[in-house]
Structures are given as structure tokens and as C-alpha cells.
Amino acid sequence: MKHVIFGATALTLLATGAMAQEVTLGRFFGDCEGAGTDTSASVGEACIIQSIINAADATLDGVSVNTLPTDWGNYYDQIKAAYAGGTPPAVHVMHRHRVPEFASIGALADLTDDLEAAGIDPSDWAPAALEAVSYNGRIIGVPMDFHANLWHVNTDLMEAAGLVEDGRPILPSSPEEMLEHARAVHEATGQDYLAADFAQFPIGVRVALALIWQQGANIFEGDEATIDTPEARNAISAITQLFDARLANPQLNYADSQQAFLNGEAAVLVNGTWVVDFYAAEAAKDDEGLNRYFVADFPTLFDEGATWADSHMWAIPAPLQANDADTYAAALQVLAFINDHNIDWARTGHMAVRTSVLNSEEYAALPHRDEYTGTAAIARDTPPSARYGAIQDVLNRELQAIWLTGKSVDAALADAQADVQDLLDR
């Protein structure tokens, strides 16, 4: 399906077959060479999103999509530098938690009045998806997913420890029970119980946040930091007890923790929805390591269910909307194409945002989907804040100091409390 292009010049370009309008696109998700244009055959986040982008480039009349090289680790630094230099990509991906930071300074285009003509129906978005891309009552992006932390489980290791019932892994319901399960796995298999990226990206922060939320607390409320609390100590203790007992390795980064799980060296990996299809494909291979793969909702270890969650969305810079009508129109076409392929993106394991997709048989038939149906109900995040990125960096630094350098919990929480309060006071 082709979408409407706005602007007389753009219409003329199409009619005359002139050079296509280039749309530069900024994204993370990793690299994938040879992704092709078959959006139903690719596997993994990087290849699935690139196949969708490649298909847009090949399919949309009068539009050329150029994916810019970006690195996940410093993606937002690159995007902010591009805005500051007056050269942001025409379309770029971002997280819901970053919306206040960009929208509060007017950096993002208001798409509200242009979506329908571009072939995008916001009424088909789930209410939470619409909320995720809204700022001050206006739509400033096109949602792509809900994503959350899950427990990825090696069923063979769990079964060896007597932790499988009716084909489903038995998950802990308290920190004490988690330690018991961890010891049982290690005694039966010699392997670790839990792996996660505790040494690089803020996966460890997200684990701690989930356990803080499960106690009815948060790390800030309004302009007040609430980090140096009993709830934070309980959350950290639930994690560090595994390190202290040598049942989890705090020194694993993202790639190493993932490889340990795929090699069969950990019964559980804490990671997101974005790897479900990749792990399922790896488990299907005739290799030692991960064979029987199960996906579980993040377990409730305290009083109430909670897991870290966020959303991916696509935005267009406000200066482009104001100063380049033709590229803006082409950028909207690209957003419409991505929105049309929500079911393809959902194959990663992410939760779809379109109601028509969520209610489809095709979505229900996706592998492992029925194993983490409870995640949407326990998805949580911090309150909106323009300082979220910096707050997350503080927490990542201080938590890693606890489990990597031996910094005391008291000192780390006190320093985090002071630094986050300083950020909120600015």
C-alpha cells in the first residue's frame, strides 16, 4: 500500500519520476548485513527492523531510506549532538522515557494533524501506546512496541533441580526462595542460577527497580529523590545474595551474560522481550546448551507484581516539519510503513501496539507468546522526567560499584540519593 505524500513539490517528483526524496533514519538495535526485504523471514531485532526499513526503501514510491550508523551505547548522545548541530535524522527511534527530555524543549514534531492523511490510524493504537507517544495532549511519535524484562529459562537445568511442574518452570515467590532455588540448581547441575548484564548496560538497574516497585516504592516522586530507603536495600540484598553465594556472576556484560545462557551455563537470564525469537531460534538448533527454552513473567518476590517496561517509538524533528515539507512528507510515509508492519516487529517478542494486531490470530500464534501474557499487567516505569537518562546513569554507576568494587550499600545509596536529588533540583 502506498501512502499520501504531502506538498506540491513532492507530488511533482512522483509524477515526473524524478530522484527519490531521501529520508535519513537513526536507530539502535544493532547491525544486520544482508537483512533483505522479506519482513516475515528475518530473525532478531537488528535484522527484523532492517528488513522493514529495506522494504520501505524498496516499496515506497519516490522515497529513499538511508539508515545512519549509530551505536547503542551512546545513541542518545549522538542524537542530541545531531540536534545541536542542526543535522538530526529525518526519522529516529527513541524510548518513551526519553520523551520529556526531547519534547520539553520543542525538539519533536507535532504529528497529530498529519497522521490520518499519511495512512496512520491512532485509534488502532492501544491506549497505553497512545499515551506513550503523547505530550501535553499532542502526538509526537508513532509507537512501535511495549517491551519489558522477562525471565528467560533453561527448562532442562530447572528440571534437573526439581523445579519444573507440568512442563513449566517453578519460579520463586520471595528472595529467600530464590536463594533456595539457586542452590538447588547449582547442586544438581554445577551451573549458575541467574545471569544478567550487571556490568555494562543498566539491566541490573532495571532488576533493582522491579524489586523496589514490588514493595510499593519508587526512586523519585515529583522533585524528591527516594533512593536511600529500606525498599532499595531489600532489592539490592535480593540480588547480592546470589553474588555472595557464587550462584550468579556480577561481572558479566550484556554479550557475555547472553552467551552464558545460550551455552547452558545459567538456568535463568534476565533480559527483555526483544530476544524471544532469537533465543527460540537458538534453542531449535541441534547444539548443546539451550535446548528447552521457556519464557516467564518476571516473578513477584515481594508484595506486588512489577517488572521494568518501556516503549519504542519513532519521531520526526520539529525543525524538519517547519523547514522541509517534502522530506517531512516522505518521513511520514516511512512511519506509516513501519506502523503497517507492526506484526513483523512483534515477531521479536515485543508486545504489539496496534489493537488490530493484538487481536489477530497471527499474533496469538507467535512462539512463546502464551508464556508471558501476565507481563503487560505488571509493566512499570519511573515517573516521567526530563532527567531520566542521567538518573539511570547514576543508578547504574552506584549499583555496579556495590557488586563490582565492594562499595558499601550505605555509601552507594547515599551518593545516589544526593546525585539524583541534584538532578531533580536543576
Protein backbone atom coordinates (compact mmCIF):
# COMPACT_ATOMS: atom_id res chain seq x y z
CA MET A 1 0.00 0.00 0.00
CA LYS A 2 1.31 3.45 -0.89
CA HIS A 3 0.73 6.39 1.43
CA VAL A 4 -0.09 10.02 0.75
CA ILE A 5 2.81 12.40 0.11
CA PHE A 6 2.19 16.00 1.10
CA GLY A 7 3.37 19.08 -0.75
CA ALA A 8 3.14 20.13 -4.38
CA THR A 9 6.84 19.62 -4.99
CA ALA A 10 6.74 16.08 -3.68
CA LEU A 11 3.73 15.27 -5.85
CA THR A 12 5.56 16.64 -8.87
CA LEU A 13 8.59 14.47 -8.10
CA LEU A 14 6.41 11.38 -8.11
CA ALA A 15 4.64 12.34 -11.31
CA THR A 16 7.86 13.03 -13.19
CA GLY A 17 9.81 10.08 -11.79
CA ALA A 18 12.48 12.43 -10.52
CA MET A 19 15.10 11.48 -7.94
CA ALA A 20 13.61 9.99 -4.79
CA GLN A 21 13.30 12.07 -1.63
CA GLU A 22 15.92 10.84 0.84
CA VAL A 23 14.86 10.09 4.41
CA THR A 24 17.75 9.61 6.82
CA LEU A 25 16.89 7.22 9.65
CA GLY A 26 18.57 6.89 13.04
CA ARG A 27 18.16 3.70 15.02
CA PHE A 28 19.82 1.40 17.53
CA PHE A 29 19.07 -2.39 17.80
CA GLY A 30 22.44 -3.47 16.36
CA ASP A 31 23.77 -4.20 12.89
CA CYS A 32 22.48 -6.73 10.37
CA GLU A 33 24.14 -7.10 6.99
CA GLY A 34 22.12 -8.77 4.29
CA ALA A 35 18.78 -8.29 6.04
CA GLY A 36 16.98 -8.23 2.71
CA THR A 37 13.40 -7.06 2.27
CA ASP A 38 11.42 -10.10 3.43
CA THR A 39 9.95 -8.80 6.67
CA SER A 40 8.49 -12.19 7.59
CA ALA A 41 11.72 -14.20 7.38
CA SER A 42 14.31 -12.23 9.36
CA VAL A 43 15.22 -13.16 12.95
CA GLY A 44 16.29 -10.91 15.81
CA GLU A 45 15.76 -7.22 16.45
CA ALA A 46 18.55 -5.92 14.23
CA CYS A 47 17.60 -7.97 11.20
CA ILE A 48 13.84 -7.59 11.57
CA ILE A 49 13.95 -3.80 11.83
CA GLN A 50 16.46 -3.54 8.99
CA SER A 51 14.32 -5.76 6.77
CA ILE A 52 11.36 -3.46 7.43
CA ILE A 53 13.49 -0.41 6.60
CA ASN A 54 14.87 -2.10 3.48
CA ALA A 55 11.34 -3.00 2.40
CA ALA A 56 10.25 0.61 2.89
CA ASP A 57 13.15 1.79 0.75
CA ALA A 58 12.25 -0.71 -1.97
CA THR A 59 8.48 -0.24 -1.84
CA LEU A 60 7.68 3.42 -1.22
CA ASP A 61 7.46 5.38 -4.48
CA GLY A 62 9.61 8.49 -4.54
CA VAL A 63 11.25 7.77 -1.18
CA SER A 64 14.77 6.58 -0.41
CA VAL A 65 15.56 5.49 3.16
CA ASN A 66 19.16 5.79 4.35
CA THR A 67 19.93 4.12 7.70
CA LEU A 68 22.59 6.07 9.59
CA PRO A 69 25.31 4.26 11.53
CA THR A 70 24.64 4.60 15.25
CA ASP A 71 25.92 2.78 18.31
CA TRP A 72 23.55 1.55 21.03
CA GLY A 73 25.84 2.54 23.89
CA ASN A 74 25.92 6.26 23.07
CA TYR A 75 22.89 6.53 20.79
CA TYR A 76 21.24 9.39 22.64
CA ASP A 77 24.48 11.34 22.86
CA GLN A 78 24.74 11.03 19.07
CA ILE A 79 21.13 12.09 18.52
CA LYS A 80 21.44 15.09 20.85
CA ALA A 81 24.67 16.13 19.14
CA ALA A 82 22.93 15.90 15.76
CA TYR A 83 20.09 18.13 17.00
CA ALA A 84 22.58 20.60 18.42
CA GLY A 85 24.42 20.67 15.10
CA GLY A 86 21.23 21.15 13.10
CA THR A 87 21.51 17.75 11.36
CA PRO A 88 19.19 15.30 13.14
CA PRO A 89 17.98 12.32 11.09
CA ALA A 90 14.61 12.82 9.40
CA VAL A 91 13.26 9.87 11.40
CA HIS A 92 14.72 8.39 14.55
CA VAL A 93 13.77 5.80 17.13
CA MET A 94 13.56 6.65 20.80
CA HIS A 95 12.22 5.31 24.09
CA ARG A 96 9.12 6.53 25.86
CA HIS A 97 11.21 7.52 28.89
CA ARG A 98 13.14 9.99 26.71
CA VAL A 99 10.03 11.86 25.51
CA PRO A 100 10.05 14.52 28.29
CA GLU A 101 13.73 15.28 27.65
CA PHE A 102 13.18 16.00 23.94
CA ALA A 103 9.58 17.21 23.86
CA SER A 104 10.05 19.70 26.71
CA ILE A 105 12.42 21.74 24.54
CA GLY A 106 10.26 21.50 21.41
CA ALA A 107 12.60 19.16 19.54
CA LEU A 108 9.92 16.74 18.31
CA ALA A 109 7.39 17.42 15.57
CA ASP A 110 3.69 17.51 16.47
CA LEU A 111 2.26 14.81 14.20
CA THR A 112 -1.33 14.96 15.44
CA ASP A 113 -2.93 16.62 12.44
CA ASP A 114 -0.92 14.79 9.76
CA LEU A 115 -1.21 11.13 10.76
CA GLU A 116 -4.56 10.33 9.14
CA ALA A 117 -3.56 11.72 5.74
CA ALA A 118 -0.35 9.70 5.92
CA GLY A 119 -2.31 6.47 6.40
CA ILE A 120 -1.77 6.10 10.15
CA ASP A 121 -4.81 5.46 12.36
CA PRO A 122 -4.11 6.39 16.02
CA SER A 123 -7.47 4.90 17.04
CA ASP A 124 -5.96 1.48 16.29
CA TRP A 125 -3.24 2.01 18.90
CA ALA A 126 -3.74 0.52 22.33
CA PRO A 127 -4.49 3.25 24.92
CA ALA A 128 -1.11 2.80 26.60
CA ALA A 129 0.62 3.15 23.23
CA LEU A 130 -1.17 6.41 22.51
CA GLU A 131 -0.23 7.65 25.96
CA ALA A 132 3.41 6.73 25.36
CA VAL A 133 3.66 8.96 22.28
CA SER A 134 1.65 11.87 23.68
CA TYR A 135 2.99 15.03 25.28
CA ASN A 136 0.75 17.82 26.53
CA GLY A 137 -2.17 16.26 24.69
CA ARG A 138 -0.43 16.13 21.32
CA ILE A 139 1.01 13.13 19.42
CA ILE A 140 4.75 13.47 18.94
CA GLY A 141 5.61 10.00 17.66
CA VAL A 142 4.42 6.69 16.24
CA PRO A 143 4.61 3.80 18.74
CA MET A 144 6.25 0.53 17.75
CA ASP A 145 6.04 -1.74 20.80
CA PHE A 146 5.83 -2.33 24.51
CA HIS A 147 8.87 -4.12 25.85
CA ALA A 148 9.71 -5.40 29.30
CA ASN A 149 12.13 -7.54 31.27
CA LEU A 150 11.30 -11.24 31.35
CA TRP A 151 12.84 -14.37 32.84
CA HIS A 152 14.27 -16.49 30.05
CA VAL A 153 14.52 -20.04 31.39
CA ASN A 154 16.55 -23.14 30.53
CA THR A 155 13.94 -25.79 31.35
CA ASP A 156 16.50 -28.62 31.34
CA LEU A 157 18.56 -27.06 34.12
CA MET A 158 15.45 -26.27 36.13
CA GLU A 159 14.13 -29.80 35.73
CA ALA A 160 17.42 -31.28 36.90
CA ALA A 161 16.95 -29.26 40.10
CA GLY A 162 13.35 -30.45 40.55
CA LEU A 163 11.98 -27.04 39.61
CA VAL A 164 9.58 -27.99 36.82
CA GLU A 165 5.93 -28.88 37.27
CA ASP A 166 3.54 -29.78 34.44
CA GLY A 167 6.19 -28.72 31.95
CA ARG A 168 6.54 -25.20 33.36
CA PRO A 169 9.47 -23.94 35.44
CA ILE A 170 8.72 -23.18 39.09
CA LEU A 171 9.70 -19.60 39.87
CA PRO A 172 10.49 -18.17 43.32
CA SER A 173 7.99 -16.12 45.31
CA SER A 174 10.43 -14.48 47.72
CA PRO A 175 14.14 -13.60 47.90
CA GLU A 176 14.63 -16.47 50.33
CA GLU A 177 13.01 -18.95 47.97
CA MET A 178 15.08 -17.62 45.07
CA LEU A 179 18.25 -18.41 47.03
CA GLU A 180 16.92 -21.93 47.75
CA HIS A 181 16.20 -22.46 44.06
CA ALA A 182 19.62 -21.14 43.13
CA ARG A 183 21.34 -23.58 45.46
CA ALA A 184 19.25 -26.45 44.12
CA VAL A 185 20.24 -25.65 40.52
CA HIS A 186 23.90 -25.38 41.39
CA GLU A 187 23.90 -28.62 43.39
CA ALA A 188 22.14 -30.51 40.59
CA THR A 189 23.97 -29.06 37.59
CA GLY A 190 27.02 -27.12 38.75
CA GLN A 191 25.70 -24.10 36.84
CA ASP A 192 24.68 -20.62 37.94
CA TYR A 193 21.06 -19.90 38.68
CA LEU A 194 20.78 -16.41 37.22
CA ALA A 195 22.64 -14.37 34.63
CA ALA A 196 22.14 -10.77 33.55
CA ASP A 197 24.15 -7.80 32.37
CA PHE A 198 25.22 -6.41 35.73
CA ALA A 199 28.47 -4.87 34.45
CA GLN A 200 27.62 -2.81 31.36
CA PHE A 201 24.18 -1.58 30.36
CA PRO A 202 21.58 -0.81 33.07
CA ILE A 203 19.93 -4.25 33.10
CA GLY A 204 20.91 -4.53 36.77
CA VAL A 205 19.24 -1.18 37.43
CA ARG A 206 16.04 -2.49 35.87
CA VAL A 207 16.14 -5.61 38.02
CA ALA A 208 16.58 -3.49 41.15
CA LEU A 209 13.80 -1.12 40.06
CA ALA A 210 11.38 -4.03 39.60
CA LEU A 211 12.10 -5.24 43.12
CA ILE A 212 11.70 -1.73 44.55
CA TRP A 213 8.35 -1.34 42.77
CA GLN A 214 7.26 -4.73 44.07
CA GLN A 215 7.46 -3.18 47.55
CA GLY A 216 5.28 -0.22 46.59
CA ALA A 217 8.19 2.25 46.44
CA ASN A 218 9.99 4.21 43.73
CA ILE A 219 13.28 6.05 43.23
CA PHE A 220 11.74 9.51 42.99
CA GLU A 221 8.37 11.17 43.39
CA GLY A 222 7.95 14.56 41.79
CA ASP A 223 11.11 16.50 42.63
CA GLU A 224 12.08 14.34 45.61
CA ALA A 225 14.61 11.52 45.34
CA THR A 226 13.62 8.40 47.32
CA ILE A 227 16.59 6.11 46.76
CA ASP A 228 18.20 5.72 50.19
CA THR A 229 15.36 3.60 51.54
CA PRO A 230 14.70 0.21 53.18
CA GLU A 231 12.98 -0.91 49.97
CA ALA A 232 16.11 -0.22 47.93
CA ARG A 233 18.21 -2.14 50.48
CA ASN A 234 15.83 -5.10 50.26
CA ALA A 235 16.01 -5.06 46.46
CA ILE A 236 19.80 -4.92 46.42
CA SER A 237 20.07 -7.67 49.03
CA ALA A 238 17.87 -9.97 46.94
CA ILE A 239 20.39 -9.61 44.11
CA THR A 240 23.68 -9.58 46.01
CA GLN A 241 22.80 -12.72 47.99
CA LEU A 242 23.27 -14.63 44.73
CA PHE A 243 26.64 -13.00 44.10
CA ASP A 244 27.80 -13.67 47.65
CA ALA A 245 26.85 -17.35 47.33
CA ARG A 246 28.58 -17.57 43.90
CA LEU A 247 25.31 -18.51 42.25
CA ALA A 248 25.39 -15.57 39.82
CA ASN A 249 28.28 -13.64 38.27
CA PRO A 250 28.13 -9.83 38.61
CA GLN A 251 31.00 -9.35 36.14
CA LEU A 252 29.09 -10.48 33.05
CA ASN A 253 28.28 -7.80 30.48
CA TYR A 254 25.39 -7.98 28.03
CA ALA A 255 27.04 -10.21 25.43
CA ASP A 256 28.68 -12.49 27.99
CA SER A 257 25.52 -12.98 30.05
CA GLN A 258 23.55 -13.84 26.93
CA GLN A 259 26.19 -16.28 25.76
CA ALA A 260 26.34 -17.93 29.18
CA PHE A 261 22.59 -18.59 28.97
CA LEU A 262 22.79 -19.90 25.40
CA ASN A 263 25.68 -22.16 26.42
CA GLY A 264 23.60 -23.72 29.19
CA GLU A 265 25.66 -22.10 31.95
CA ALA A 266 22.74 -20.35 33.69
CA ALA A 267 19.20 -21.51 34.42
CA VAL A 268 17.71 -18.03 34.10
CA LEU A 269 18.66 -14.95 32.09
CA VAL A 270 17.04 -11.62 32.88
CA ASN A 271 16.61 -9.84 29.57
CA GLY A 272 13.86 -8.25 27.57
CA THR A 273 11.10 -9.20 25.19
CA TRP A 274 13.38 -8.27 22.31
CA VAL A 275 15.28 -11.58 22.33
CA VAL A 276 12.44 -14.12 22.46
CA ASP A 277 12.51 -15.06 18.78
CA PHE A 278 16.32 -15.13 18.73
CA TYR A 279 16.55 -17.47 21.73
CA ALA A 280 13.80 -19.67 20.32
CA ALA A 281 15.79 -19.98 17.09
CA GLU A 282 18.96 -20.81 19.04
CA ALA A 283 17.16 -23.43 21.13
CA ALA A 284 15.91 -25.09 17.94
CA LYS A 285 19.47 -25.76 16.78
CA ASP A 286 20.93 -29.19 17.39
CA ASP A 287 23.61 -27.94 19.77
CA GLU A 288 24.49 -28.43 23.39
CA GLY A 289 23.48 -25.61 25.70
CA LEU A 290 19.98 -24.21 25.48
CA ASN A 291 17.51 -26.78 24.20
CA ARG A 292 14.23 -26.48 26.11
CA TYR A 293 13.50 -22.76 26.27
CA PHE A 294 10.71 -21.16 28.29
CA VAL A 295 9.74 -17.51 28.70
CA ALA A 296 8.27 -16.36 32.02
CA ASP A 297 6.87 -13.19 33.52
CA PHE A 298 9.26 -11.57 35.99
CA PRO A 299 8.41 -13.31 39.29
CA THR A 300 6.92 -11.49 42.27
CA LEU A 301 9.48 -11.70 45.10
CA PHE A 302 7.82 -9.12 47.36
CA ASP A 303 4.28 -7.78 47.74
CA GLU A 304 3.03 -6.92 44.25
CA GLY A 305 3.91 -7.85 40.69
CA ALA A 306 6.16 -5.44 38.81
CA THR A 307 8.76 -5.51 36.05
CA TRP A 308 10.61 -2.79 34.22
CA ALA A 309 8.97 -1.82 30.93
CA ASP A 310 9.25 0.83 28.24
CA SER A 311 8.17 1.53 24.66
CA HIS A 312 9.97 2.12 21.39
CA MET A 313 8.60 4.85 19.17
CA TRP A 314 9.57 6.80 16.06
CA ALA A 315 9.81 10.59 15.96
CA ILE A 316 10.47 13.35 13.43
CA PRO A 317 12.43 16.50 14.36
CA ALA A 318 10.36 19.66 14.69
CA PRO A 319 12.80 21.69 12.54
CA LEU A 320 12.24 19.29 9.65
CA GLN A 321 8.48 19.72 9.92
CA ALA A 322 8.88 23.50 9.92
CA ASN A 323 11.51 23.90 7.21
CA ASP A 324 11.38 20.96 4.76
CA ALA A 325 7.86 19.97 3.76
CA ASP A 326 8.96 17.41 1.18
CA THR A 327 11.27 15.46 3.47
CA TYR A 328 8.71 15.70 6.26
CA ALA A 329 6.08 14.17 3.97
CA ALA A 330 8.45 11.38 2.98
CA ALA A 331 9.33 10.77 6.63
CA LEU A 332 5.64 10.32 7.42
CA GLN A 333 5.45 7.70 4.69
CA VAL A 334 8.25 5.79 6.35
CA LEU A 335 6.46 5.96 9.72
CA ALA A 336 3.28 4.68 8.10
CA PHE A 337 5.17 1.76 6.57
CA ILE A 338 6.69 0.81 9.92
CA ASN A 339 3.27 1.10 11.57
CA ASP A 340 1.80 -1.19 8.89
CA HIS A 341 4.44 -3.81 9.76
CA ASN A 342 3.74 -3.95 13.49
CA ILE A 343 3.11 -7.70 13.32
CA ASP A 344 6.55 -8.24 11.79
CA TRP A 345 8.24 -6.26 14.55
CA ALA A 346 6.23 -8.20 17.15
CA ARG A 347 7.96 -11.38 15.96
CA THR A 348 10.97 -10.26 18.02
CA GLY A 349 8.99 -10.97 21.18
CA HIS A 350 7.95 -7.39 21.78
CA MET A 351 4.29 -6.69 22.52
CA ALA A 352 2.42 -5.08 19.65
CA VAL A 353 0.83 -1.63 19.93
CA ARG A 354 -1.97 -1.91 17.36
CA THR A 355 -5.25 -3.33 18.63
CA SER A 356 -5.91 -4.98 15.28
CA VAL A 357 -2.60 -6.82 15.60
CA LEU A 358 -3.06 -7.71 19.27
CA ASN A 359 -6.42 -9.30 18.45
CA SER A 360 -5.19 -11.21 15.41
CA GLU A 361 -4.69 -14.97 15.14
CA GLU A 362 -1.26 -14.34 13.66
CA TYR A 363 -0.15 -12.51 16.81
CA ALA A 364 -1.58 -15.15 19.13
CA ALA A 365 0.31 -17.84 17.22
CA LEU A 366 3.74 -16.27 17.76
CA PRO A 367 6.15 -18.60 19.62
CA HIS A 368 6.11 -18.48 23.45
CA ARG A 369 3.55 -15.65 23.44
CA ASP A 370 1.25 -17.50 25.84
CA GLU A 371 4.04 -17.91 28.40
CA TYR A 372 4.32 -14.24 29.36
CA THR A 373 0.79 -12.95 28.98
CA GLY A 374 0.92 -11.52 32.51
CA THR A 375 3.75 -9.10 31.71
CA ALA A 376 1.50 -6.33 30.40
CA ALA A 377 -0.36 -6.21 33.71
CA ILE A 378 2.82 -5.80 35.80
CA ALA A 379 4.72 -3.43 33.48
CA ARG A 380 6.09 -0.42 35.36
CA ASP A 381 8.41 2.53 34.90
CA THR A 382 9.55 5.58 36.81
CA PRO A 383 7.52 8.80 36.65
CA PRO A 384 8.18 10.91 33.51
CA SER A 385 11.27 13.08 33.88
CA ALA A 386 13.49 15.05 31.51
CA ARG A 387 16.38 13.83 33.69
CA TYR A 388 15.66 10.11 33.31
CA GLY A 389 18.78 9.33 31.31
CA ALA A 390 21.09 10.99 33.83
CA ILE A 391 19.22 9.39 36.76
CA GLN A 392 19.63 5.95 35.20
CA ASP A 393 23.36 6.61 34.71
CA VAL A 394 23.74 7.49 38.41
CA LEU A 395 21.97 4.32 39.49
CA ASN A 396 23.99 2.17 37.11
CA ARG A 397 27.24 3.63 38.43
CA GLU A 398 26.36 3.18 42.09
CA LEU A 399 24.86 -0.30 41.80
CA GLN A 400 27.84 -1.52 39.81
CA ALA A 401 30.08 -0.04 42.49
CA ILE A 402 28.32 -2.26 45.04
CA TRP A 403 28.67 -5.56 43.23
CA LEU A 404 31.85 -4.92 41.23
CA THR A 405 34.08 -2.85 43.55
CA GLY A 406 32.74 -3.66 47.01
CA LYS A 407 31.35 -0.21 47.78
CA SER A 408 29.07 -0.39 50.79
CA VAL A 409 25.34 -0.30 50.20
CA ASP A 410 25.01 2.60 52.63
CA ALA A 411 27.60 4.70 50.80
CA ALA A 412 26.27 3.86 47.35
CA LEU A 413 22.66 4.67 48.21
CA ALA A 414 23.66 7.89 49.97
CA ASP A 415 25.68 9.00 46.94
CA ALA A 416 22.88 8.03 44.55
CA GLN A 417 20.34 9.87 46.69
CA ALA A 418 22.42 13.05 46.67
CA ASP A 419 23.25 12.94 42.95
CA VAL A 420 19.69 12.19 41.84
CA GLN A 421 18.32 14.91 44.10
CA ASP A 422 20.77 17.32 42.49
CA LEU A 423 19.47 16.31 39.06
CA LEU A 424 15.86 16.78 40.11
CA ASP A 425 16.64 20.21 41.59
CA ARG A 426 18.06 21.58 38.33
